[in-house]
N, C-alpha and C. Protein backbone atom coordinates (compact mmCIF):
# COMPACT_ATOMS: atom_id res chain seq x y z
N UNK A 1 90.94 78.16 122.37
CA UNK A 1 90.05 79.38 122.72
C UNK A 1 90.61 80.31 122.91
N UNK A 2 91.60 80.67 124.18
CA UNK A 2 92.06 81.14 124.44
C UNK A 2 93.51 82.15 123.92
N UNK A 3 94.55 81.29 122.88
CA UNK A 3 94.50 82.16 121.72
C UNK A 3 94.55 82.00 120.66
N UNK A 4 94.08 81.04 120.25
CA UNK A 4 93.74 82.06 118.80
C UNK A 4 92.39 82.00 118.76
N UNK A 5 91.10 82.13 119.48
CA UNK A 5 89.87 82.13 119.40
C UNK A 5 89.24 81.59 118.64
N UNK A 6 89.74 80.62 119.04
CA UNK A 6 88.48 79.37 117.80
C UNK A 6 88.50 77.35 118.64
N UNK A 7 87.99 77.07 118.79
CA UNK A 7 87.40 76.25 118.76
C UNK A 7 89.06 75.06 118.29
N UNK A 8 89.13 73.67 119.04
CA UNK A 8 90.26 73.38 117.96
C UNK A 8 89.95 71.85 119.25
N UNK A 9 90.03 71.00 119.18
CA UNK A 9 90.50 69.66 119.58
C UNK A 9 91.18 68.94 120.17
N UNK A 10 90.05 69.12 122.22
CA UNK A 10 91.64 68.48 123.43
C UNK A 10 91.37 66.93 122.62
N UNK A 11 92.71 67.04 123.09
CA UNK A 11 93.54 65.76 123.53
C UNK A 11 93.18 64.46 124.89
N UNK A 12 93.01 63.89 124.49
CA UNK A 12 92.38 63.07 126.01
C UNK A 12 93.25 63.01 126.73
N UNK A 13 94.81 62.38 126.19
CA UNK A 13 96.07 62.67 127.24
C UNK A 13 96.20 63.89 127.65
N UNK A 14 96.24 64.96 127.39
CA UNK A 14 96.89 66.72 127.95
C UNK A 14 95.02 67.22 128.90
N UNK A 15 95.46 67.29 129.54
CA UNK A 15 94.18 67.85 130.16
C UNK A 15 94.47 68.04 131.83
N UNK A 16 93.82 68.58 132.44
CA UNK A 16 93.90 69.47 134.18
C UNK A 16 92.57 69.77 134.59
N UNK A 17 92.88 69.26 135.53
CA UNK A 17 91.15 69.59 136.35
C UNK A 17 91.41 71.13 137.36
N UNK A 18 91.17 71.68 137.07
CA UNK A 18 91.10 72.99 137.71
C UNK A 18 89.61 73.67 138.24
N UNK A 19 90.37 74.09 139.68
CA UNK A 19 88.78 74.32 140.10
C UNK A 19 87.02 73.31 139.88
N UNK A 20 87.82 71.75 139.75
CA UNK A 20 86.15 70.85 139.56
C UNK A 20 86.06 70.75 137.80
N UNK A 21 86.45 71.68 137.42
CA UNK A 21 86.53 72.12 136.27
C UNK A 21 87.70 70.84 135.15
N UNK A 22 87.55 70.88 133.82
CA UNK A 22 88.42 69.90 133.16
C UNK A 22 88.38 70.88 132.14
N UNK A 23 89.83 70.38 132.23
CA UNK A 23 90.35 71.10 130.51
C UNK A 23 91.47 70.79 129.85
N UNK A 24 90.87 70.57 129.15
CA UNK A 24 91.80 69.27 128.05
C UNK A 24 92.76 69.66 126.94
N UNK A 25 93.84 69.75 126.31
CA UNK A 25 94.49 70.77 126.13
C UNK A 25 95.02 70.14 123.75
N UNK A 26 94.93 71.33 124.13
CA UNK A 26 95.40 70.60 122.06
C UNK A 26 96.34 69.15 121.91
N UNK A 27 97.08 69.47 122.06
CA UNK A 27 98.91 68.98 122.70
C UNK A 27 99.53 69.04 123.51
N UNK A 28 100.63 68.67 124.02
CA UNK A 28 101.82 68.77 124.65
C UNK A 28 101.90 70.38 124.24
N UNK A 29 102.58 70.30 124.09
CA UNK A 29 103.21 72.00 123.37
C UNK A 29 102.31 73.28 123.84
N UNK A 30 100.90 71.94 123.83
CA UNK A 30 100.12 73.08 123.90
C UNK A 30 99.77 73.65 125.22
N UNK A 31 99.54 72.43 125.49
CA UNK A 31 99.66 72.20 127.10
C UNK A 31 100.52 72.99 128.16
N UNK A 32 102.34 72.67 128.04
CA UNK A 32 103.33 73.12 128.54
C UNK A 32 103.58 74.78 129.06
N UNK A 33 103.05 75.05 127.39
CA UNK A 33 102.51 77.15 127.71
C UNK A 33 101.51 77.56 128.26
N UNK A 34 99.71 76.81 128.71
CA UNK A 34 98.84 76.43 129.64
C UNK A 34 99.42 76.23 130.82
N UNK A 35 100.28 75.81 130.90
CA UNK A 35 100.80 75.46 132.78
C UNK A 35 101.77 76.55 133.43
N UNK A 36 102.25 77.07 132.39
CA UNK A 36 102.65 78.77 133.07
C UNK A 36 102.29 79.69 133.50
N UNK A 37 100.21 79.13 133.36
CA UNK A 37 100.11 80.71 133.32
C UNK A 37 98.21 79.90 133.70
N UNK A 38 98.40 78.99 133.76
CA UNK A 38 96.41 78.93 134.07
C UNK A 38 95.58 79.51 133.98
N UNK A 39 95.92 80.80 134.65
CA UNK A 39 94.84 81.14 135.48
C UNK A 39 94.15 82.56 134.07
N UNK A 40 95.48 83.18 133.65
CA UNK A 40 95.43 83.52 132.13
C UNK A 40 95.38 82.93 131.62
N UNK A 41 95.47 82.25 131.27
CA UNK A 41 95.02 80.86 129.83
C UNK A 41 93.68 80.70 129.93
N UNK A 42 92.98 80.35 131.39
CA UNK A 42 91.68 80.85 131.55
C UNK A 42 90.36 81.97 130.98
N UNK A 43 90.83 82.60 131.94
CA UNK A 43 90.28 84.37 131.83
C UNK A 43 90.05 84.81 130.49
N UNK A 44 91.20 84.49 129.63
CA UNK A 44 91.24 84.64 128.50
C UNK A 44 90.30 83.94 126.85
N UNK A 45 90.11 82.66 127.97
CA UNK A 45 89.74 81.64 127.01
C UNK A 45 87.83 82.03 127.73
N UNK A 46 87.66 82.42 128.76
CA UNK A 46 86.13 82.94 128.86
C UNK A 46 85.97 84.27 128.61
N UNK A 47 87.21 85.20 128.47
CA UNK A 47 86.52 86.34 127.27
C UNK A 47 85.75 85.51 125.79
N UNK A 48 86.65 84.55 125.40
CA UNK A 48 86.34 84.60 123.95
C UNK A 48 85.07 83.14 123.80
N UNK A 49 84.31 82.55 124.95
CA UNK A 49 83.96 82.48 125.01
C UNK A 49 82.27 83.34 124.04
N UNK A 50 81.88 84.45 124.84
CA UNK A 50 80.62 84.72 124.16
C UNK A 50 80.70 84.34 122.58
N UNK A 51 81.79 85.44 122.31
CA UNK A 51 82.26 85.26 120.99
C UNK A 51 81.79 84.55 119.58
N UNK A 52 82.28 82.92 121.05
CA UNK A 52 82.36 81.01 119.96
C UNK A 52 80.79 81.92 119.67
N UNK A 53 79.82 81.85 120.89
CA UNK A 53 78.63 81.33 120.70
C UNK A 53 77.09 82.01 119.80
N UNK A 54 78.14 83.15 120.01
CA UNK A 54 77.24 84.46 118.02
C UNK A 54 77.66 84.17 117.11
N UNK A 55 78.70 82.98 117.08
CA UNK A 55 79.03 82.12 115.02
C UNK A 55 78.25 80.87 115.09
């Protein structure tokens, strides 16, 4: 959601709970990137989410 502005399946093997919310990542490589800037990825995903609701 944060990088490609589209939904992607989450892999239950790659997850993290942040502030009481569960975040699933697509795969190990995506999770490695995500872990480098969790707040940035969450912010980008939150910005993109309303756009997804309009589709």
